[in-house]
Amino acid sequence: RQQTSGETDLLRQETQKIAVEALARLPKSLKEVIILREYGD
C-alpha cells in the first residue's frame, strides 16, 4: 500500500464526497451500473 500524506487523504475525502453527491444526481438506471461496477466490483 502506498503511504499517503495528510493532504492527499484530505483531497481524497473531499473528492469522494463530491463523487457521492454527483452519483446521487444520476438517474436510477445509470446509478445502478456505476454502483455495481465501482462498489460491487
ModelCIF file with pLDDT and N, C-alpha, C, O atoms, coordinates in Angstrom:
data_MODEL
#
_entry.id   MODEL 
#
_entity.id                         1 
_entity.type                       polymer 
_entity.pdbx_number_of_molecules   1 
#
_entity_poly.entity_id                      1 
_entity_poly.type                           'polypeptide(L)' 
_entity_poly.nstd_linkage                   no 
_entity_poly.nstd_monomer                   no 
_entity_poly.pdbx_seq_one_letter_code       RQQTSGETDLLRQETQKIAVEALARLPKSLKEVIILREYGD 
_entity_poly.pdbx_seq_one_letter_code_can   RQQTSGETDLLRQETQKIAVEALARLPKSLKEVIILREYGD 
_entity_poly.pdbx_strand_id                 A 
#
loop_
_entity_poly_seq.entity_id 
_entity_poly_seq.num 
_entity_poly_seq.mon_id 
_entity_poly_seq.hetero 
1 1  ARG n 
1 2  GLN n 
1 3  GLN n 
1 4  THR n 
1 5  SER n 
1 6  GLY n 
1 7  GLU n 
1 8  THR n 
1 9  ASP n 
1 10 LEU n 
1 11 LEU n 
1 12 ARG n 
1 13 GLN n 
1 14 GLU n 
1 15 THR n 
1 16 GLN n 
1 17 LYS n 
1 18 ILE n 
1 19 ALA n 
1 20 VAL n 
1 21 GLU n 
1 22 ALA n 
1 23 LEU n 
1 24 ALA n 
1 25 ARG n 
1 26 LEU n 
1 27 PRO n 
1 28 LYS n 
1 29 SER n 
1 30 LEU n 
1 31 LYS n 
1 32 GLU n 
1 33 VAL n 
1 34 ILE n 
1 35 ILE n 
1 36 LEU n 
1 37 ARG n 
1 38 GLU n 
1 39 TYR n 
1 40 GLY n 
1 41 ASP n 
#
_struct_asym.id          A 
_struct_asym.entity_id   1 
#
loop_
_ma_qa_metric.id 
_ma_qa_metric.mode 
_ma_qa_metric.name 
_ma_qa_metric.software_group_id 
_ma_qa_metric.type 
1 global pLDDT . pLDDT 
2 local  pLDDT . pLDDT 
#
_ma_qa_metric_global.metric_id      1 
_ma_qa_metric_global.metric_value   79.46 
_ma_qa_metric_global.model_id       1 
_ma_qa_metric_global.ordinal_id     1 
#
loop_
_ma_qa_metric_local.label_asym_id 
_ma_qa_metric_local.label_comp_id 
_ma_qa_metric_local.label_seq_id 
_ma_qa_metric_local.metric_id 
_ma_qa_metric_local.metric_value 
_ma_qa_metric_local.model_id 
_ma_qa_metric_local.ordinal_id 
A ARG 1  2 56.00 1 1  
A GLN 2  2 57.00 1 2  
A GLN 3  2 60.00 1 3  
A THR 4  2 62.00 1 4  
A SER 5  2 71.00 1 5  
A GLY 6  2 75.00 1 6  
A GLU 7  2 79.00 1 7  
A THR 8  2 78.00 1 8  
A ASP 9  2 77.00 1 9  
A LEU 10 2 81.00 1 10 
A LEU 11 2 80.00 1 11 
A ARG 12 2 78.00 1 12 
A GLN 13 2 82.00 1 13 
A GLU 14 2 82.00 1 14 
A THR 15 2 77.00 1 15 
A GLN 16 2 78.00 1 16 
A LYS 17 2 82.00 1 17 
A ILE 18 2 81.00 1 18 
A ALA 19 2 77.00 1 19 
A VAL 20 2 79.00 1 20 
A GLU 21 2 83.00 1 21 
A ALA 22 2 83.00 1 22 
A LEU 23 2 82.00 1 23 
A ALA 24 2 83.00 1 24 
A ARG 25 2 88.00 1 25 
A LEU 26 2 87.00 1 26 
A PRO 27 2 89.00 1 27 
A LYS 28 2 87.00 1 28 
A SER 29 2 88.00 1 29 
A LEU 30 2 88.00 1 30 
A LYS 31 2 85.00 1 31 
A GLU 32 2 85.00 1 32 
A VAL 33 2 87.00 1 33 
A ILE 34 2 85.00 1 34 
A ILE 35 2 82.00 1 35 
A LEU 36 2 86.00 1 36 
A ARG 37 2 85.00 1 37 
A GLU 38 2 80.00 1 38 
A TYR 39 2 75.00 1 39 
A GLY 40 2 77.00 1 40 
A ASP 41 2 81.00 1 41 
#
loop_
_atom_site.group_PDB 
_atom_site.id 
_atom_site.type_symbol 
_atom_site.label_atom_id 
_atom_site.label_alt_id 
_atom_site.label_comp_id 
_atom_site.label_asym_id 
_atom_site.label_entity_id 
_atom_site.label_seq_id 
_atom_site.pdbx_PDB_ins_code 
_atom_site.Cartn_x 
_atom_site.Cartn_y 
_atom_site.Cartn_z 
_atom_site.occupancy 
_atom_site.B_iso_or_equiv 
_atom_site.pdbx_formal_charge 
_atom_site.auth_seq_id 
_atom_site.auth_comp_id 
_atom_site.auth_asym_id 
_atom_site.auth_atom_id 
_atom_site.pdbx_PDB_model_num 
ATOM 1   N N  . ARG A 1 1  ? 0.850   -1.192 0.000   1.00 56.00 ? 1  ARG A N  1 
ATOM 2   C CA . ARG A 1 1  ? 0.000   0.000  0.000   1.00 56.00 ? 1  ARG A CA 1 
ATOM 3   C C  . ARG A 1 1  ? 0.881   1.235  0.000   1.00 56.00 ? 1  ARG A C  1 
ATOM 4   O O  . ARG A 1 1  ? 1.907   1.301  0.678   1.00 56.00 ? 1  ARG A O  1 
ATOM 5   N N  . GLN A 1 2  ? 0.453   2.196  -0.771  1.00 57.00 ? 2  GLN A N  1 
ATOM 6   C CA . GLN A 1 2  ? 1.215   3.436  -0.827  1.00 57.00 ? 2  GLN A CA 1 
ATOM 7   C C  . GLN A 1 2  ? 0.894   4.273  0.404   1.00 57.00 ? 2  GLN A C  1 
ATOM 8   O O  . GLN A 1 2  ? -0.254  4.385  0.835   1.00 57.00 ? 2  GLN A O  1 
ATOM 9   N N  . GLN A 1 3  ? 1.926   4.838  0.935   1.00 60.00 ? 3  GLN A N  1 
ATOM 10  C CA . GLN A 1 3  ? 1.725   5.748  2.052   1.00 60.00 ? 3  GLN A CA 1 
ATOM 11  C C  . GLN A 1 3  ? 1.285   7.090  1.481   1.00 60.00 ? 3  GLN A C  1 
ATOM 12  O O  . GLN A 1 3  ? 1.890   7.609  0.543   1.00 60.00 ? 3  GLN A O  1 
ATOM 13  N N  . THR A 1 4  ? 0.244   7.634  2.051   1.00 62.00 ? 4  THR A N  1 
ATOM 14  C CA . THR A 1 4  ? -0.251  8.919  1.550   1.00 62.00 ? 4  THR A CA 1 
ATOM 15  C C  . THR A 1 4  ? -0.028  9.988  2.601   1.00 62.00 ? 4  THR A C  1 
ATOM 16  O O  . THR A 1 4  ? 0.066   9.717  3.798   1.00 62.00 ? 4  THR A O  1 
ATOM 17  N N  . SER A 1 5  ? 0.052   11.194 2.112   1.00 71.00 ? 5  SER A N  1 
ATOM 18  C CA . SER A 1 5  ? 0.222   12.314 3.034   1.00 71.00 ? 5  SER A CA 1 
ATOM 19  C C  . SER A 1 5  ? -1.149  12.752 3.527   1.00 71.00 ? 5  SER A C  1 
ATOM 20  O O  . SER A 1 5  ? -2.172  12.346 2.977   1.00 71.00 ? 5  SER A O  1 
ATOM 21  N N  . GLY A 1 6  ? -1.167  13.564 4.543   1.00 75.00 ? 6  GLY A N  1 
ATOM 22  C CA . GLY A 1 6  ? -2.421  14.102 5.080   1.00 75.00 ? 6  GLY A CA 1 
ATOM 23  C C  . GLY A 1 6  ? -3.160  14.914 4.029   1.00 75.00 ? 6  GLY A C  1 
ATOM 24  O O  . GLY A 1 6  ? -4.389  14.895 3.961   1.00 75.00 ? 6  GLY A O  1 
ATOM 25  N N  . GLU A 1 7  ? -2.396  15.626 3.213   1.00 79.00 ? 7  GLU A N  1 
ATOM 26  C CA . GLU A 1 7  ? -3.005  16.452 2.166   1.00 79.00 ? 7  GLU A CA 1 
ATOM 27  C C  . GLU A 1 7  ? -3.718  15.571 1.134   1.00 79.00 ? 7  GLU A C  1 
ATOM 28  O O  . GLU A 1 7  ? -4.834  15.876 0.713   1.00 79.00 ? 7  GLU A O  1 
ATOM 29  N N  . THR A 1 8  ? -3.070  14.492 0.738   1.00 78.00 ? 8  THR A N  1 
ATOM 30  C CA . THR A 1 8  ? -3.672  13.573 -0.232  1.00 78.00 ? 8  THR A CA 1 
ATOM 31  C C  . THR A 1 8  ? -4.927  12.939 0.349   1.00 78.00 ? 8  THR A C  1 
ATOM 32  O O  . THR A 1 8  ? -5.932  12.790 -0.346  1.00 78.00 ? 8  THR A O  1 
ATOM 33  N N  . ASP A 1 9  ? -4.870  12.565 1.632   1.00 77.00 ? 9  ASP A N  1 
ATOM 34  C CA . ASP A 1 9  ? -6.042  11.980 2.289   1.00 77.00 ? 9  ASP A CA 1 
ATOM 35  C C  . ASP A 1 9  ? -7.205  12.966 2.316   1.00 77.00 ? 9  ASP A C  1 
ATOM 36  O O  . ASP A 1 9  ? -8.349  12.588 2.065   1.00 77.00 ? 9  ASP A O  1 
ATOM 37  N N  . LEU A 1 10 ? -6.917  14.212 2.615   1.00 81.00 ? 10 LEU A N  1 
ATOM 38  C CA . LEU A 1 10 ? -7.957  15.243 2.656   1.00 81.00 ? 10 LEU A CA 1 
ATOM 39  C C  . LEU A 1 10 ? -8.572  15.437 1.271   1.00 81.00 ? 10 LEU A C  1 
ATOM 40  O O  . LEU A 1 10 ? -9.792  15.518 1.130   1.00 81.00 ? 10 LEU A O  1 
ATOM 41  N N  . LEU A 1 11 ? -7.712  15.511 0.249   1.00 80.00 ? 11 LEU A N  1 
ATOM 42  C CA . LEU A 1 11 ? -8.213  15.658 -1.125  1.00 80.00 ? 11 LEU A CA 1 
ATOM 43  C C  . LEU A 1 11 ? -9.070  14.463 -1.528  1.00 80.00 ? 11 LEU A C  1 
ATOM 44  O O  . LEU A 1 11 ? -10.109 14.616 -2.170  1.00 80.00 ? 11 LEU A O  1 
ATOM 45  N N  . ARG A 1 12 ? -8.628  13.296 -1.149  1.00 78.00 ? 12 ARG A N  1 
ATOM 46  C CA . ARG A 1 12 ? -9.382  12.079 -1.462  1.00 78.00 ? 12 ARG A CA 1 
ATOM 47  C C  . ARG A 1 12 ? -10.760 12.128 -0.801  1.00 78.00 ? 12 ARG A C  1 
ATOM 48  O O  . ARG A 1 12 ? -11.765 11.812 -1.437  1.00 78.00 ? 12 ARG A O  1 
ATOM 49  N N  . GLN A 1 13 ? -10.806 12.521 0.465   1.00 82.00 ? 13 GLN A N  1 
ATOM 50  C CA . GLN A 1 13 ? -12.091 12.592 1.179   1.00 82.00 ? 13 GLN A CA 1 
ATOM 51  C C  . GLN A 1 13 ? -13.024 13.611 0.518   1.00 82.00 ? 13 GLN A C  1 
ATOM 52  O O  . GLN A 1 13 ? -14.215 13.351 0.347   1.00 82.00 ? 13 GLN A O  1 
ATOM 53  N N  . GLU A 1 14 ? -12.476 14.761 0.152   1.00 82.00 ? 14 GLU A N  1 
ATOM 54  C CA . GLU A 1 14 ? -13.296 15.797 -0.482  1.00 82.00 ? 14 GLU A CA 1 
ATOM 55  C C  . GLU A 1 14 ? -13.838 15.331 -1.831  1.00 82.00 ? 14 GLU A C  1 
ATOM 56  O O  . GLU A 1 14 ? -15.013 15.533 -2.136  1.00 82.00 ? 14 GLU A O  1 
ATOM 57  N N  . THR A 1 15 ? -12.984 14.712 -2.631  1.00 77.00 ? 15 THR A N  1 
ATOM 58  C CA . THR A 1 15 ? -13.437 14.267 -3.953  1.00 77.00 ? 15 THR A CA 1 
ATOM 59  C C  . THR A 1 15 ? -14.406 13.091 -3.838  1.00 77.00 ? 15 THR A C  1 
ATOM 60  O O  . THR A 1 15 ? -15.305 12.948 -4.668  1.00 77.00 ? 15 THR A O  1 
ATOM 61  N N  . GLN A 1 16 ? -14.231 12.252 -2.819  1.00 78.00 ? 16 GLN A N  1 
ATOM 62  C CA . GLN A 1 16 ? -15.201 11.175 -2.617  1.00 78.00 ? 16 GLN A CA 1 
ATOM 63  C C  . GLN A 1 16 ? -16.572 11.761 -2.297  1.00 78.00 ? 16 GLN A C  1 
ATOM 64  O O  . GLN A 1 16 ? -17.593 11.272 -2.781  1.00 78.00 ? 16 GLN A O  1 
ATOM 65  N N  . LYS A 1 17 ? -16.588 12.791 -1.495  1.00 82.00 ? 17 LYS A N  1 
ATOM 66  C CA . LYS A 1 17 ? -17.857 13.449 -1.144  1.00 82.00 ? 17 LYS A CA 1 
ATOM 67  C C  . LYS A 1 17 ? -18.500 14.030 -2.400  1.00 82.00 ? 17 LYS A C  1 
ATOM 68  O O  . LYS A 1 17 ? -19.707 13.893 -2.605  1.00 82.00 ? 17 LYS A O  1 
ATOM 69  N N  . ILE A 1 18 ? -17.702 14.670 -3.229  1.00 81.00 ? 18 ILE A N  1 
ATOM 70  C CA . ILE A 1 18 ? -18.209 15.244 -4.485  1.00 81.00 ? 18 ILE A CA 1 
ATOM 71  C C  . ILE A 1 18 ? -18.752 14.135 -5.387  1.00 81.00 ? 18 ILE A C  1 
ATOM 72  O O  . ILE A 1 18 ? -19.821 14.274 -5.982  1.00 81.00 ? 18 ILE A O  1 
ATOM 73  N N  . ALA A 1 19 ? -18.017 13.051 -5.478  1.00 77.00 ? 19 ALA A N  1 
ATOM 74  C CA . ALA A 1 19 ? -18.436 11.930 -6.331  1.00 77.00 ? 19 ALA A CA 1 
ATOM 75  C C  . ALA A 1 19 ? -19.741 11.313 -5.846  1.00 77.00 ? 19 ALA A C  1 
ATOM 76  O O  . ALA A 1 19 ? -20.614 10.993 -6.652  1.00 77.00 ? 19 ALA A O  1 
ATOM 77  N N  . VAL A 1 20 ? -19.879 11.145 -4.534  1.00 79.00 ? 20 VAL A N  1 
ATOM 78  C CA . VAL A 1 20 ? -21.108 10.561 -3.974  1.00 79.00 ? 20 VAL A CA 1 
ATOM 79  C C  . VAL A 1 20 ? -22.297 11.483 -4.246  1.00 79.00 ? 20 VAL A C  1 
ATOM 80  O O  . VAL A 1 20 ? -23.385 11.019 -4.584  1.00 79.00 ? 20 VAL A O  1 
ATOM 81  N N  . GLU A 1 21 ? -22.081 12.789 -4.098  1.00 83.00 ? 21 GLU A N  1 
ATOM 82  C CA . GLU A 1 21 ? -23.166 13.747 -4.383  1.00 83.00 ? 21 GLU A CA 1 
ATOM 83  C C  . GLU A 1 21 ? -23.535 13.717 -5.865  1.00 83.00 ? 21 GLU A C  1 
ATOM 84  O O  . GLU A 1 21 ? -24.714 13.781 -6.215  1.00 83.00 ? 21 GLU A O  1 
ATOM 85  N N  . ALA A 1 22 ? -22.534 13.620 -6.727  1.00 83.00 ? 22 ALA A N  1 
ATOM 86  C CA . ALA A 1 22 ? -22.795 13.563 -8.170  1.00 83.00 ? 22 ALA A CA 1 
ATOM 87  C C  . ALA A 1 22 ? -23.519 12.266 -8.520  1.00 83.00 ? 22 ALA A C  1 
ATOM 88  O O  . ALA A 1 22 ? -24.417 12.258 -9.362  1.00 83.00 ? 22 ALA A O  1 
ATOM 89  N N  . LEU A 1 23 ? -23.131 11.189 -7.883  1.00 82.00 ? 23 LEU A N  1 
ATOM 90  C CA . LEU A 1 23 ? -23.758 9.884  -8.114  1.00 82.00 ? 23 LEU A CA 1 
ATOM 91  C C  . LEU A 1 23 ? -25.241 9.936  -7.755  1.00 82.00 ? 23 LEU A C  1 
ATOM 92  O O  . LEU A 1 23 ? -26.077 9.342  -8.437  1.00 82.00 ? 23 LEU A O  1 
ATOM 93  N N  . ALA A 1 24 ? -25.552 10.645 -6.690  1.00 83.00 ? 24 ALA A N  1 
ATOM 94  C CA . ALA A 1 24 ? -26.942 10.761 -6.252  1.00 83.00 ? 24 ALA A CA 1 
ATOM 95  C C  . ALA A 1 24 ? -27.789 11.504 -7.288  1.00 83.00 ? 24 ALA A C  1 
ATOM 96  O O  . ALA A 1 24 ? -29.006 11.322 -7.326  1.00 83.00 ? 24 ALA A O  1 
ATOM 97  N N  . ARG A 1 25 ? -27.172 12.327 -8.118  1.00 88.00 ? 25 ARG A N  1 
ATOM 98  C CA . ARG A 1 25 ? -27.904 13.108 -9.126  1.00 88.00 ? 25 ARG A CA 1 
ATOM 99  C C  . ARG A 1 25 ? -28.167 12.324 -10.417 1.00 88.00 ? 25 ARG A C  1 
ATOM 100 O O  . ARG A 1 25 ? -28.927 12.776 -11.273 1.00 88.00 ? 25 ARG A O  1 
ATOM 101 N N  . LEU A 1 26 ? -27.544 11.162 -10.554 1.00 87.00 ? 26 LEU A N  1 
ATOM 102 C CA . LEU A 1 26 ? -27.750 10.348 -11.763 1.00 87.00 ? 26 LEU A CA 1 
ATOM 103 C C  . LEU A 1 26 ? -29.114 9.666  -11.736 1.00 87.00 ? 26 LEU A C  1 
ATOM 104 O O  . LEU A 1 26 ? -29.659 9.404  -10.664 1.00 87.00 ? 26 LEU A O  1 
ATOM 105 N N  . PRO A 1 27 ? -29.669 9.377  -12.927 1.00 89.00 ? 27 PRO A N  1 
ATOM 106 C CA . PRO A 1 27 ? -30.901 8.582  -12.971 1.00 89.00 ? 27 PRO A CA 1 
ATOM 107 C C  . PRO A 1 27 ? -30.617 7.182  -12.403 1.00 89.00 ? 27 PRO A C  1 
ATOM 108 O O  . PRO A 1 27 ? -29.482 6.706  -12.426 1.00 89.00 ? 27 PRO A O  1 
ATOM 109 N N  . LYS A 1 28 ? -31.670 6.542  -11.897 1.00 87.00 ? 28 LYS A N  1 
ATOM 110 C CA . LYS A 1 28 ? -31.533 5.246  -11.227 1.00 87.00 ? 28 LYS A CA 1 
ATOM 111 C C  . LYS A 1 28 ? -30.836 4.207  -12.113 1.00 87.00 ? 28 LYS A C  1 
ATOM 112 O O  . LYS A 1 28 ? -29.967 3.477  -11.637 1.00 87.00 ? 28 LYS A O  1 
ATOM 113 N N  . SER A 1 29 ? -31.204 4.135  -13.381 1.00 88.00 ? 29 SER A N  1 
ATOM 114 C CA . SER A 1 29 ? -30.637 3.119  -14.279 1.00 88.00 ? 29 SER A CA 1 
ATOM 115 C C  . SER A 1 29 ? -29.126 3.289  -14.461 1.00 88.00 ? 29 SER A C  1 
ATOM 116 O O  . SER A 1 29 ? -28.400 2.303  -14.592 1.00 88.00 ? 29 SER A O  1 
ATOM 117 N N  . LEU A 1 30 ? -28.655 4.538  -14.467 1.00 88.00 ? 30 LEU A N  1 
ATOM 118 C CA . LEU A 1 30 ? -27.219 4.780  -14.615 1.00 88.00 ? 30 LEU A CA 1 
ATOM 119 C C  . LEU A 1 30 ? -26.486 4.623  -13.282 1.00 88.00 ? 30 LEU A C  1 
ATOM 120 O O  . LEU A 1 30 ? -25.356 4.138  -13.230 1.00 88.00 ? 30 LEU A O  1 
ATOM 121 N N  . LYS A 1 31 ? -27.149 5.039  -12.220 1.00 85.00 ? 31 LYS A N  1 
ATOM 122 C CA . LYS A 1 31 ? -26.551 4.928  -10.890 1.00 85.00 ? 31 LYS A CA 1 
ATOM 123 C C  . LYS A 1 31 ? -26.302 3.456  -10.532 1.00 85.00 ? 31 LYS A C  1 
ATOM 124 O O  . LYS A 1 31 ? -25.270 3.125  -9.948  1.00 85.00 ? 31 LYS A O  1 
ATOM 125 N N  . GLU A 1 32 ? -27.247 2.577  -10.882 1.00 85.00 ? 32 GLU A N  1 
ATOM 126 C CA . GLU A 1 32 ? -27.126 1.157  -10.554 1.00 85.00 ? 32 GLU A CA 1 
ATOM 127 C C  . GLU A 1 32 ? -25.868 0.541  -11.160 1.00 85.00 ? 32 GLU A C  1 
ATOM 128 O O  . GLU A 1 32 ? -25.129 -0.166 -10.474 1.00 85.00 ? 32 GLU A O  1 
ATOM 129 N N  . VAL A 1 33 ? -25.621 0.807  -12.451 1.00 87.00 ? 33 VAL A N  1 
ATOM 130 C CA . VAL A 1 33 ? -24.460 0.185  -13.091 1.00 87.00 ? 33 VAL A CA 1 
ATOM 131 C C  . VAL A 1 33 ? -23.156 0.694  -12.493 1.00 87.00 ? 33 VAL A C  1 
ATOM 132 O O  . VAL A 1 33 ? -22.216 -0.080 -12.311 1.00 87.00 ? 33 VAL A O  1 
ATOM 133 N N  . ILE A 1 34 ? -23.088 1.985  -12.185 1.00 85.00 ? 34 ILE A N  1 
ATOM 134 C CA . ILE A 1 34 ? -21.871 2.549  -11.582 1.00 85.00 ? 34 ILE A CA 1 
ATOM 135 C C  . ILE A 1 34 ? -21.641 1.931  -10.199 1.00 85.00 ? 34 ILE A C  1 
ATOM 136 O O  . ILE A 1 34 ? -20.521 1.536  -9.875  1.00 85.00 ? 34 ILE A O  1 
ATOM 137 N N  . ILE A 1 35 ? -22.687 1.847  -9.393  1.00 82.00 ? 35 ILE A N  1 
ATOM 138 C CA . ILE A 1 35 ? -22.546 1.297  -8.036  1.00 82.00 ? 35 ILE A CA 1 
ATOM 139 C C  . ILE A 1 35 ? -22.111 -0.164 -8.094  1.00 82.00 ? 35 ILE A C  1 
ATOM 140 O O  . ILE A 1 35 ? -21.206 -0.574 -7.367  1.00 82.00 ? 35 ILE A O  1 
ATOM 141 N N  . LEU A 1 36 ? -22.759 -0.953 -8.964  1.00 86.00 ? 36 LEU A N  1 
ATOM 142 C CA . LEU A 1 36 ? -22.401 -2.374 -9.058  1.00 86.00 ? 36 LEU A CA 1 
ATOM 143 C C  . LEU A 1 36 ? -20.974 -2.561 -9.573  1.00 86.00 ? 36 LEU A C  1 
ATOM 144 O O  . LEU A 1 36 ? -20.274 -3.481 -9.149  1.00 86.00 ? 36 LEU A O  1 
ATOM 145 N N  . ARG A 1 37 ? -20.544 -1.690 -10.487 1.00 85.00 ? 37 ARG A N  1 
ATOM 146 C CA . ARG A 1 37 ? -19.188 -1.809 -11.049 1.00 85.00 ? 37 ARG A CA 1 
ATOM 147 C C  . ARG A 1 37 ? -18.124 -1.319 -10.066 1.00 85.00 ? 37 ARG A C  1 
ATOM 148 O O  . ARG A 1 37 ? -17.155 -2.027 -9.788  1.00 85.00 ? 37 ARG A O  1 
ATOM 149 N N  . GLU A 1 38 ? -18.309 -0.109 -9.544  1.00 80.00 ? 38 GLU A N  1 
ATOM 150 C CA . GLU A 1 38 ? -17.273 0.517  -8.729  1.00 80.00 ? 38 GLU A CA 1 
ATOM 151 C C  . GLU A 1 38 ? -17.268 0.049  -7.276  1.00 80.00 ? 38 GLU A C  1 
ATOM 152 O O  . GLU A 1 38 ? -16.202 -0.123 -6.686  1.00 80.00 ? 38 GLU A O  1 
ATOM 153 N N  . TYR A 1 39 ? -18.440 -0.157 -6.702  1.00 75.00 ? 39 TYR A N  1 
ATOM 154 C CA . TYR A 1 39 ? -18.512 -0.565 -5.298  1.00 75.00 ? 39 TYR A CA 1 
ATOM 155 C C  . TYR A 1 39 ? -18.691 -2.074 -5.143  1.00 75.00 ? 39 TYR A C  1 
ATOM 156 O O  . TYR A 1 39 ? -18.163 -2.681 -4.211  1.00 75.00 ? 39 TYR A O  1 
ATOM 157 N N  . GLY A 1 40 ? -19.449 -2.673 -6.080  1.00 77.00 ? 40 GLY A N  1 
ATOM 158 C CA . GLY A 1 40 ? -19.688 -4.108 -6.017  1.00 77.00 ? 40 GLY A CA 1 
ATOM 159 C C  . GLY A 1 40 ? -18.601 -4.915 -6.684  1.00 77.00 ? 40 GLY A C  1 
ATOM 160 O O  . GLY A 1 40 ? -18.518 -6.129 -6.499  1.00 77.00 ? 40 GLY A O  1 
ATOM 161 N N  . ASP A 1 41 ? -17.759 -4.242 -7.468  1.00 81.00 ? 41 ASP A N  1 
ATOM 162 C CA . ASP A 1 41 ? -16.648 -4.876 -8.171  1.00 81.00 ? 41 ASP A CA 1 
ATOM 163 C C  . ASP A 1 41 ? -17.124 -6.017 -9.081  1.00 81.00 ? 41 ASP A C  1 
ATOM 164 O O  . ASP A 1 41 ? -16.309 -6.657 -9.747  1.00 81.00 ? 41 ASP A O  1 
#
